[in-house]
């Protein structure tokens, strides 16, 4: 279970906006935490997936896409639209299964030359992926066309109505003969997809891109007409395979790879060869600094060594305060930058640290020092480690959080009441003000209990559970 300590509200205001995505859904602009956005994309783009591994691969692709292209609609006041122009999202269709797929890959992205890759995807590549340069003029090595033996290409057939084609093209501001007598493919991409078409009419021939034709027909008659550019024309019949542009991850193929026992890492490596999967551009090269009871993992051991000594001191002090033996096997991950911390933990920027059992995730030491929060943050998290190592089953969140806050110096008012709402406000990540208020309320409640029963008795409840007279209040 997560335990987080909050930075001050002034810092929160500056940092929280960096961890969210603004998406236009209908007439509303929603502000979603990045991982919530990823789950919403899974609901919109991959909700019918059966393979858990394919779903995880899609989560990584959706997350990387969002980080790389954030601000695509900045001129309109949001980051992304909710259609397939960006990524189709269905926030109301998020399920626990989709949340778990996002959580299982939290922070992971695909990188190329130190930057997030362009992780596009397509419904069905038709047995061969398309080259990124053919669709977006993006000559990325990881988007080169290649055969896809996992995609059992579905065939489709559509019979054109010449007059409707002319009307659809003109509604999309494209030129066309008054009467289309024949359509021919005059140029194909390296993958064999139609690239340029010639519309033959009485005494004239007008060229149009195959992509422009598909989108014009799709907008006019639905996307089950010409489903991809991978086709042959036997006028007026189009016969082809695949669905969509064909670039990047093929969803049909990914599903089959997952069904065949391939993991999400293998799926991503197949569709985006040459990219690196990790939480930073080159992955993190952790250096291990070992102490008596604490192990510190850092990317800058020469700078971060003092944090290990600080953690050892605060761990012993926390154990003494709770009158227990200091736990061993405590691990601290000290991240090199805020983006990495947020991507790995899915916490907003106003959360300084997170503790899961005996593993502590810390924002960069330099950031915490700059706000005068390094020592207090480490103290807070070591208290959490000790409390959680002793906590009996069923000890409520408000009590554990409130006790840590009190022992760290909070809870001065020795009053206040708590409720299930308090627990919910501590868990939510949308409002730093609500979270801080909930933490303070819990600390005040613990301070009141200490004033009445004494600190030794209240601390003892961590191991024994709260007495009925306290639970009922």
Protein backbone atom coordinates (compact mmCIF):
# COMPACT_ATOMS: atom_id res chain seq x y z
CA UNK A 1 0.00 0.00 0.00
CA UNK A 2 1.28 3.46 -0.81
CA UNK A 3 2.49 5.93 1.75
CA UNK A 4 3.42 9.38 0.55
CA UNK A 5 4.69 12.58 2.14
CA UNK A 6 3.60 15.85 0.58
CA UNK A 7 5.72 18.83 -0.33
CA UNK A 8 4.44 22.25 0.65
CA UNK A 9 1.48 23.67 -1.23
CA UNK A 10 3.54 26.40 -2.91
CA UNK A 11 5.81 23.74 -4.38
CA UNK A 12 2.78 21.62 -5.26
CA UNK A 13 1.26 24.33 -7.39
CA UNK A 14 4.41 24.55 -9.47
CA UNK A 15 4.90 20.83 -9.98
CA UNK A 16 1.51 19.14 -10.14
CA UNK A 17 0.67 20.38 -13.65
CA UNK A 18 3.67 18.52 -15.04
CA UNK A 19 2.20 15.12 -14.16
CA UNK A 20 -1.17 15.38 -15.86
CA UNK A 21 -2.65 15.16 -19.33
CA UNK A 22 -5.43 17.41 -20.59
CA UNK A 23 -7.72 15.57 -22.99
CA UNK A 24 -10.77 16.92 -24.81
CA UNK A 25 -13.69 14.51 -24.43
CA UNK A 26 -16.80 15.77 -26.16
CA UNK A 27 -17.44 19.28 -24.89
CA UNK A 28 -15.28 18.82 -21.78
CA UNK A 29 -11.56 19.12 -21.14
CA UNK A 30 -10.53 16.54 -18.55
CA UNK A 31 -7.29 16.72 -16.60
CA UNK A 32 -6.10 13.18 -15.93
CA UNK A 33 -3.01 11.81 -14.18
CA UNK A 34 -0.78 10.18 -16.79
CA UNK A 35 -1.49 6.62 -15.66
CA UNK A 36 -5.24 7.29 -15.59
CA UNK A 37 -4.94 8.57 -19.14
CA UNK A 38 -3.11 5.37 -20.13
CA UNK A 39 -5.93 3.27 -18.66
CA UNK A 40 -8.49 5.40 -20.54
CA UNK A 41 -6.59 4.81 -23.79
CA UNK A 42 -6.62 1.07 -23.12
CA UNK A 43 -10.39 1.29 -22.65
CA UNK A 44 -10.76 3.13 -25.95
CA UNK A 45 -8.17 1.33 -28.07
CA UNK A 46 -7.69 -2.14 -26.55
CA UNK A 47 -10.62 -2.87 -24.25
CA UNK A 48 -11.41 -6.09 -26.11
CA UNK A 49 -7.89 -7.52 -25.77
CA UNK A 50 -7.77 -10.98 -24.22
CA UNK A 51 -4.02 -11.26 -23.81
CA UNK A 52 -2.70 -9.60 -20.66
CA UNK A 53 0.76 -9.31 -22.21
CA UNK A 54 -0.59 -7.62 -25.33
CA UNK A 55 -2.53 -5.24 -23.07
CA UNK A 56 0.67 -4.37 -21.22
CA UNK A 57 2.46 -3.76 -24.52
CA UNK A 58 -0.34 -1.39 -25.48
CA UNK A 59 -0.03 0.39 -22.12
CA UNK A 60 3.66 1.07 -22.78
CA UNK A 61 2.91 2.24 -26.32
CA UNK A 62 0.09 4.53 -25.15
CA UNK A 63 2.20 6.01 -22.35
CA UNK A 64 5.19 6.65 -24.62
CA UNK A 65 2.96 8.21 -27.26
CA UNK A 66 1.44 10.53 -24.64
CA UNK A 67 4.78 11.69 -23.26
CA UNK A 68 6.30 12.24 -26.71
CA UNK A 69 3.32 14.14 -28.15
CA UNK A 70 1.99 15.93 -25.08
CA UNK A 71 0.76 19.36 -26.13
CA UNK A 72 -0.32 18.26 -29.61
CA UNK A 73 -3.42 20.46 -29.27
CA UNK A 74 -1.77 23.11 -27.09
CA UNK A 75 -3.09 25.91 -29.30
CA UNK A 76 -6.60 24.74 -28.43
CA UNK A 77 -5.96 24.56 -24.70
CA UNK A 78 -5.42 20.84 -24.18
CA UNK A 79 -2.90 18.10 -24.93
CA UNK A 80 -4.92 15.52 -26.86
CA UNK A 81 -8.29 15.00 -28.42
CA UNK A 82 -10.16 11.80 -27.55
CA UNK A 83 -10.44 10.50 -31.11
CA UNK A 84 -8.09 8.32 -33.15
CA UNK A 85 -6.44 11.52 -34.41
CA UNK A 86 -4.54 11.28 -31.12
CA UNK A 87 -5.58 8.28 -29.01
CA UNK A 88 -9.17 7.21 -28.51
CA UNK A 89 -10.03 7.41 -24.81
CA UNK A 90 -12.99 6.10 -22.82
CA UNK A 91 -12.53 7.31 -19.22
CA UNK A 92 -15.88 5.87 -18.14
CA UNK A 93 -15.01 2.42 -19.48
CA UNK A 94 -11.90 1.94 -17.35
CA UNK A 95 -11.94 -1.38 -15.50
CA UNK A 96 -9.73 -2.80 -12.78
CA UNK A 97 -8.14 -5.06 -15.42
CA UNK A 98 -7.09 -2.04 -17.47
CA UNK A 99 -5.82 -0.22 -14.39
CA UNK A 100 -3.75 -3.29 -13.52
CA UNK A 101 -2.23 -3.38 -17.02
CA UNK A 102 -1.17 0.24 -16.64
CA UNK A 103 0.11 -0.35 -13.10
CA UNK A 104 2.09 -3.44 -14.15
CA UNK A 105 4.13 -1.30 -16.55
CA UNK A 106 4.03 1.95 -14.59
CA UNK A 107 6.62 4.44 -15.83
CA UNK A 108 7.91 2.18 -18.58
CA UNK A 109 8.35 3.70 -22.03
CA UNK A 110 10.15 2.94 -25.26
CA UNK A 111 13.18 5.11 -25.98
CA UNK A 112 15.34 5.75 -29.01
CA UNK A 113 18.51 7.83 -28.87
CA UNK A 114 17.55 9.15 -25.45
CA UNK A 115 14.05 10.33 -26.41
CA UNK A 116 10.61 8.74 -26.25
CA UNK A 117 9.94 6.79 -29.44
CA UNK A 118 7.00 7.46 -31.75
CA UNK A 119 4.98 4.44 -30.66
CA UNK A 120 2.10 4.37 -33.12
CA UNK A 121 -0.07 1.31 -33.53
CA UNK A 122 -2.57 -0.11 -35.98
CA UNK A 123 -5.50 -2.47 -35.72
CA UNK A 124 -4.30 -4.99 -38.32
CA UNK A 125 -1.17 -4.72 -40.44
CA UNK A 126 -2.39 -7.29 -42.97
CA UNK A 127 0.69 -9.48 -42.55
CA UNK A 128 3.33 -6.79 -43.15
CA UNK A 129 3.86 -3.56 -41.25
CA UNK A 130 4.21 -0.28 -43.09
CA UNK A 131 7.23 2.00 -43.12
CA UNK A 132 6.82 5.12 -40.97
CA UNK A 133 8.34 7.25 -43.73
CA UNK A 134 5.51 6.28 -46.07
CA UNK A 135 2.80 7.65 -43.77
CA UNK A 136 4.36 10.48 -41.73
CA UNK A 137 7.68 11.02 -43.49
CA UNK A 138 9.27 9.74 -40.31
CA UNK A 139 12.40 7.80 -41.23
CA UNK A 140 12.82 6.04 -37.88
CA UNK A 141 14.77 2.76 -38.00
CA UNK A 142 12.38 1.20 -35.50
CA UNK A 143 9.43 1.90 -37.85
CA UNK A 144 10.80 0.10 -40.90
CA UNK A 145 8.41 -2.21 -42.76
CA UNK A 146 8.76 -5.91 -41.94
CA UNK A 147 6.83 -9.13 -42.27
CA UNK A 148 4.48 -9.99 -39.42
CA UNK A 149 3.90 -13.75 -39.17
CA UNK A 150 1.73 -13.25 -36.08
CA UNK A 151 -0.93 -11.24 -37.89
CA UNK A 152 -3.48 -13.60 -39.38
CA UNK A 153 -4.55 -11.04 -41.94
CA UNK A 154 -8.30 -10.61 -42.25
CA UNK A 155 -9.48 -10.10 -45.82
CA UNK A 156 -12.03 -7.49 -46.78
CA UNK A 157 -13.88 -6.50 -49.95
CA UNK A 158 -15.70 -3.29 -50.86
CA UNK A 159 -17.50 -2.46 -54.04
CA UNK A 160 -17.31 1.21 -54.92
CA UNK A 161 -20.08 3.42 -56.19
CA UNK A 162 -18.30 5.79 -58.64
CA UNK A 163 -20.66 8.68 -58.04
CA UNK A 164 -20.34 8.38 -54.25
CA UNK A 165 -16.55 8.39 -54.56
CA UNK A 166 -16.66 11.69 -56.41
CA UNK A 167 -19.00 13.20 -53.82
CA UNK A 168 -16.87 11.98 -50.91
CA UNK A 169 -13.65 13.33 -52.42
CA UNK A 170 -15.15 16.73 -53.08
CA UNK A 171 -16.57 16.95 -49.54
CA UNK A 172 -12.99 16.46 -48.37
CA UNK A 173 -11.79 19.27 -50.68
CA UNK A 174 -10.09 16.84 -53.09
CA UNK A 175 -10.20 17.01 -56.88
CA UNK A 176 -11.92 14.27 -58.86
CA UNK A 177 -13.28 13.81 -62.41
CA UNK A 178 -16.99 14.41 -62.82
CA UNK A 179 -17.28 10.70 -63.59
CA UNK A 180 -14.80 8.08 -62.36
CA UNK A 181 -14.51 5.30 -64.93
CA UNK A 182 -11.55 3.54 -63.37
CA UNK A 183 -9.13 3.79 -60.43
CA UNK A 184 -5.58 2.52 -60.81
CA UNK A 185 -2.68 2.19 -58.39
CA UNK A 186 0.24 4.05 -59.95
CA UNK A 187 2.66 3.92 -57.01
CA UNK A 188 3.10 1.64 -54.00
CA UNK A 189 5.13 1.86 -50.81
CA UNK A 190 7.94 -0.52 -49.92
CA UNK A 191 5.41 -2.70 -48.07
CA UNK A 192 3.24 -3.02 -51.19
CA UNK A 193 0.51 -0.66 -50.03
CA UNK A 194 -1.13 1.72 -52.47
CA UNK A 195 0.49 5.15 -52.28
CA UNK A 196 -0.78 7.11 -55.28
CA UNK A 197 -3.95 6.49 -57.27
CA UNK A 198 -5.06 7.71 -60.69
CA UNK A 199 -8.75 8.53 -61.00
CA UNK A 200 -9.58 8.05 -64.68
CA UNK A 201 -12.46 9.99 -66.17
CA UNK A 202 -13.57 10.99 -69.66
CA UNK A 203 -10.50 12.64 -71.15
CA UNK A 204 -8.73 13.26 -67.85
CA UNK A 205 -6.72 11.53 -65.15
CA UNK A 206 -6.41 13.02 -61.67
CA UNK A 207 -3.95 11.71 -59.12
CA UNK A 208 -4.75 11.47 -55.43
CA UNK A 209 -2.96 9.89 -52.50
CA UNK A 210 -4.36 6.55 -51.40
CA UNK A 211 -4.44 7.77 -47.82
CA UNK A 212 -6.52 10.80 -48.76
CA UNK A 213 -8.99 8.55 -50.58
CA UNK A 214 -9.33 6.21 -47.60
CA UNK A 215 -9.93 9.04 -45.16
CA UNK A 216 -12.43 10.73 -47.47
CA UNK A 217 -14.39 7.50 -47.84
CA UNK A 218 -14.13 6.73 -44.15
CA UNK A 219 -15.49 10.12 -43.15
CA UNK A 220 -18.30 9.82 -45.65
CA UNK A 221 -19.37 6.18 -45.35
CA UNK A 222 -17.67 4.64 -42.32
CA UNK A 223 -14.30 3.04 -41.73
CA UNK A 224 -15.38 -0.42 -42.92
CA UNK A 225 -15.16 0.61 -46.59
CA UNK A 226 -11.54 0.81 -47.74
CA UNK A 227 -9.99 -0.37 -44.47
CA UNK A 228 -6.31 0.02 -45.37
CA UNK A 229 -4.06 0.83 -48.32
CA UNK A 230 -3.05 -2.81 -48.66
CA UNK A 231 -5.32 -3.74 -51.59
CA UNK A 232 -5.79 -4.53 -55.22
CA UNK A 233 -8.39 -2.83 -57.40
CA UNK A 234 -10.60 -4.71 -59.84
CA UNK A 235 -12.75 -1.72 -60.64
CA UNK A 236 -15.17 -1.03 -59.09
CA UNK A 237 -14.10 -3.55 -56.41
CA UNK A 238 -11.37 -3.03 -53.77
CA UNK A 239 -10.01 -6.24 -52.22
CA UNK A 240 -7.46 -6.10 -49.45
CA UNK A 241 -6.17 -7.05 -46.04
CA UNK A 242 -5.38 -5.12 -42.91
CA UNK A 243 -7.04 -2.24 -41.12
CA UNK A 244 -5.47 1.15 -40.51
CA UNK A 245 -2.15 2.66 -41.55
CA UNK A 246 -0.12 -0.43 -40.71
CA UNK A 247 2.76 1.36 -38.93
CA UNK A 248 4.17 0.24 -35.58
CA UNK A 249 2.48 -2.20 -33.27
CA UNK A 250 -0.11 -4.44 -34.94
CA UNK A 251 -2.84 -5.08 -32.40
CA UNK A 252 -3.97 -8.30 -34.07
CA UNK A 253 -0.41 -9.58 -34.17
CA UNK A 254 0.28 -8.50 -30.58
CA UNK A 255 -2.77 -10.44 -29.42
CA UNK A 256 -1.49 -13.55 -31.18
CA UNK A 257 1.99 -13.11 -29.74
CA UNK A 258 0.51 -12.86 -26.26
CA UNK A 259 -1.66 -15.93 -26.84
CA UNK A 260 1.46 -17.81 -27.93
CA UNK A 261 3.16 -17.06 -24.62
CA UNK A 262 5.29 -14.07 -25.65
CA UNK A 263 5.74 -11.39 -22.99
CA UNK A 264 5.04 -7.71 -23.48
CA UNK A 265 8.75 -6.96 -23.73
CA UNK A 266 9.08 -9.40 -26.63
CA UNK A 267 6.01 -7.91 -28.30
CA UNK A 268 7.42 -4.40 -28.09
CA UNK A 269 10.85 -5.52 -29.28
CA UNK A 270 9.27 -7.18 -32.33
CA UNK A 271 7.22 -4.16 -33.39
CA UNK A 272 9.70 -1.43 -32.38
CA UNK A 273 13.11 -3.05 -32.98
CA UNK A 274 16.08 -1.07 -31.75
CA UNK A 275 14.20 0.83 -29.06
CA UNK A 276 15.01 0.47 -25.37
CA UNK A 277 12.34 -0.32 -22.81
CA UNK A 278 12.87 1.51 -19.55
CA UNK A 279 11.94 4.45 -17.38
CA UNK A 280 14.61 6.74 -18.81
CA UNK A 281 16.24 7.11 -22.18
CA UNK A 282 19.02 4.66 -21.50
CA UNK A 283 17.39 2.88 -18.60
CA UNK A 284 18.72 3.60 -15.13
CA UNK A 285 22.17 2.31 -14.20
CA UNK A 286 21.76 1.92 -10.47
CA UNK A 287 24.79 2.04 -8.18
CA UNK A 288 24.38 0.20 -4.88
CA UNK A 289 25.54 1.75 -1.61
CA UNK A 290 25.20 -0.68 1.30
CA UNK A 291 24.68 0.32 4.92
CA UNK A 292 23.97 -1.63 8.09
CA UNK A 293 20.21 -1.83 7.59
CA UNK A 294 19.59 0.37 4.57
CA UNK A 295 20.66 -0.07 0.95
CA UNK A 296 20.66 3.02 -1.25
CA UNK A 297 20.34 2.74 -5.03
CA UNK A 298 21.42 5.86 -6.87
CA UNK A 299 22.75 6.96 -10.23
CA UNK A 300 25.12 9.44 -8.56
CA UNK A 301 26.82 7.63 -5.65
CA UNK A 302 29.44 10.34 -5.07
CA UNK A 303 26.73 12.94 -4.48
CA UNK A 304 24.11 10.83 -2.72
CA UNK A 305 26.27 8.99 -0.16
CA UNK A 306 25.20 11.33 2.70
CA UNK A 307 21.56 10.30 2.14
CA UNK A 308 22.46 6.75 3.16
CA UNK A 309 23.96 7.94 6.45
CA UNK A 310 20.92 10.13 7.05
CA UNK A 311 18.55 7.21 6.41
CA UNK A 312 20.46 4.94 8.82
CA UNK A 313 20.21 7.56 11.57
CA UNK A 314 16.53 8.23 10.99
CA UNK A 315 15.69 4.53 10.82
CA UNK A 316 17.32 3.91 14.23
CA UNK A 317 15.59 6.97 15.66
CA UNK A 318 12.21 5.82 14.32
CA UNK A 319 12.68 2.33 15.79
CA UNK A 320 13.67 3.80 19.18
CA UNK A 321 10.59 6.04 19.16
CA UNK A 322 8.33 3.04 18.52
CA UNK A 323 10.31 0.90 20.99
CA UNK A 324 11.08 -1.87 18.48
CA UNK A 325 14.08 -3.34 16.70
CA UNK A 326 14.98 -1.45 13.56
CA UNK A 327 14.03 -3.52 10.49
CA UNK A 328 16.66 -4.72 8.04
CA UNK A 329 16.48 -4.97 4.26
CA UNK A 330 15.29 -1.38 3.80
CA UNK A 331 15.84 -0.16 0.24
CA UNK A 332 15.86 3.43 -1.00
CA UNK A 333 15.63 4.35 -4.69
CA UNK A 334 16.89 7.91 -5.16
CA UNK A 335 15.82 9.08 -8.61
CA UNK A 336 17.97 11.39 -10.74
CA UNK A 337 15.15 13.67 -11.94
CA UNK A 338 11.50 14.47 -11.35
CA UNK A 339 10.27 12.97 -14.60
CA UNK A 340 11.78 9.59 -13.74
CA UNK A 341 10.31 9.68 -10.23
CA UNK A 342 6.86 10.49 -11.57
CA UNK A 343 7.00 7.92 -14.36
CA UNK A 344 8.04 5.10 -12.03
CA UNK A 345 5.78 5.86 -9.08
CA UNK A 346 2.82 7.46 -10.94
CA UNK A 347 2.80 10.05 -8.16
CA UNK A 348 2.22 13.74 -8.93
CA UNK A 349 5.09 16.16 -8.55
CA UNK A 350 3.82 17.45 -5.21
CA UNK A 351 4.47 14.07 -3.59
CA UNK A 352 8.08 14.01 -2.38
CA UNK A 353 8.39 10.28 -1.70
CA UNK A 354 6.53 7.00 -1.63
CA UNK A 355 7.06 3.97 0.56
CA UNK A 356 5.91 0.46 -0.32
CA UNK A 357 6.71 -1.86 2.57
CA UNK A 358 10.48 -1.52 2.99
CA UNK A 359 11.17 0.10 -0.37
CA UNK A 360 11.28 3.90 -0.44
CA UNK A 361 11.12 5.97 -3.64
CA UNK A 362 12.60 9.47 -3.26
CA UNK A 363 12.58 12.51 -5.48
CA UNK A 364 16.11 13.78 -6.32
CA UNK A 365 18.06 14.80 -3.25
CA UNK A 366 18.93 18.14 -4.87
CA UNK A 367 15.23 18.95 -5.34
CA UNK A 368 14.38 18.06 -1.76
CA UNK A 369 17.36 20.04 -0.44
CA UNK A 370 16.38 23.08 -2.48
CA UNK A 371 13.05 23.13 -0.63
CA UNK A 372 14.58 22.36 2.76
CA UNK A 373 12.74 19.03 2.76
CA UNK A 374 15.43 16.34 2.51
CA UNK A 375 15.85 15.54 6.21
CA UNK A 376 12.15 15.77 7.02
CA UNK A 377 11.25 13.58 4.04
CA UNK A 378 13.75 10.85 4.96
CA UNK A 379 12.60 11.01 8.60
CA UNK A 380 8.99 10.67 7.52
CA UNK A 381 9.67 7.69 5.25
CA UNK A 382 11.79 5.86 7.84
CA UNK A 383 8.93 6.25 10.31
CA UNK A 384 6.65 4.72 7.67
CA UNK A 385 9.02 1.80 7.18
CA UNK A 386 9.02 1.05 10.91
CA UNK A 387 5.27 1.53 11.34
CA UNK A 388 4.45 -0.67 8.37
CA UNK A 389 6.86 -3.38 9.54
CA UNK A 390 4.92 -3.59 12.81
CA UNK A 391 1.34 -2.87 11.73
CA UNK A 392 -1.27 -5.50 12.53
CA UNK A 393 -3.87 -6.42 9.93
CA UNK A 394 -6.81 -4.07 9.93
CA UNK A 395 -5.08 -1.03 11.44
CA UNK A 396 -6.75 1.79 9.49
CA UNK A 397 -4.94 4.05 7.07
CA UNK A 398 -5.79 7.23 8.96
CA UNK A 399 -4.17 5.88 12.13
CA UNK A 400 -0.94 4.73 10.46
CA UNK A 401 -0.63 7.95 8.46
CA UNK A 402 -1.64 10.11 11.41
CA UNK A 403 0.84 8.39 13.74
CA UNK A 404 3.69 8.98 11.30
CA UNK A 405 2.67 12.62 10.92
CA UNK A 406 2.46 13.01 14.71
CA UNK A 407 5.83 11.33 15.35
CA UNK A 408 7.38 13.51 12.65
CA UNK A 409 6.24 16.61 14.50
CA UNK A 410 2.68 17.16 13.31
CA UNK A 411 -0.63 17.04 15.15
CA UNK A 412 -0.32 20.09 17.40
CA UNK A 413 -4.03 20.65 18.03
CA UNK A 414 -4.76 17.40 19.89
CA UNK A 415 -8.28 17.29 18.52
CA UNK A 416 -10.26 16.42 15.42
CA UNK A 417 -12.25 13.51 14.06
CA UNK A 418 -11.60 11.19 11.14
CA UNK A 419 -13.79 9.21 8.79
CA UNK A 420 -13.70 7.12 5.65
CA UNK A 421 -13.62 10.43 3.80
CA UNK A 422 -10.30 11.19 5.48
CA UNK A 423 -8.84 7.95 4.12
CA UNK A 424 -10.10 8.73 0.63
CA UNK A 425 -8.67 12.25 0.69
CA UNK A 426 -5.25 10.92 1.72
CA UNK A 427 -5.28 8.43 -1.16
CA UNK A 428 -6.46 10.81 -3.88
CA UNK A 429 -3.84 12.51 -6.04
CA UNK A 430 -5.91 15.25 -7.65
CA UNK A 431 -5.73 17.94 -5.00
CA UNK A 432 -2.68 18.62 -2.81
CA UNK A 433 -4.78 20.86 -0.57
CA UNK A 434 -7.29 18.08 0.18
CA UNK A 435 -4.50 15.59 0.81
CA UNK A 436 -2.66 17.92 3.18
CA UNK A 437 -5.87 18.68 5.05
CA UNK A 438 -6.55 14.96 5.46
CA UNK A 439 -3.02 14.26 6.74
CA UNK A 440 -3.28 17.09 9.24
CA UNK A 441 -6.69 15.88 10.38
CA UNK A 442 -5.32 12.38 10.98
CA UNK A 443 -2.30 13.77 12.87
CA UNK A 444 -4.56 15.91 15.06
CA UNK A 445 -6.68 12.87 15.87
CA UNK A 446 -3.59 10.87 16.91
CA UNK A 447 -2.36 13.82 18.98
CA UNK A 448 -5.68 13.79 20.80
CA UNK A 449 -5.35 10.07 21.50
CA UNK A 450 -1.81 10.56 22.81
CA UNK A 451 -3.01 13.34 25.10
CA UNK A 452 -5.64 11.00 26.52
CA UNK A 453 -3.88 7.61 26.64
CA UNK A 454 -0.17 8.42 26.47
CA UNK A 455 2.27 7.93 23.60
CA UNK A 456 3.45 4.47 24.65
CA UNK A 457 -0.10 3.10 24.65
CA UNK A 458 -1.02 4.68 21.31
CA UNK A 459 2.18 3.45 19.68
CA UNK A 460 1.40 -0.03 20.97
CA UNK A 461 -1.85 -0.06 19.02
CA UNK A 462 0.18 -0.37 15.81
CA UNK A 463 0.87 -4.00 16.77
CA UNK A 464 -2.33 -4.86 18.63
CA UNK A 465 -4.90 -2.91 16.67
CA UNK A 466 -7.14 -0.10 17.82
CA UNK A 467 -9.35 -0.77 20.86
CA UNK A 468 -13.08 -0.81 20.28
CA UNK A 469 -13.60 2.45 22.15
CA UNK A 470 -11.31 4.23 19.65
CA UNK A 471 -12.68 2.48 16.56
CA UNK A 472 -16.19 3.57 17.42
CA UNK A 473 -15.33 7.24 17.58
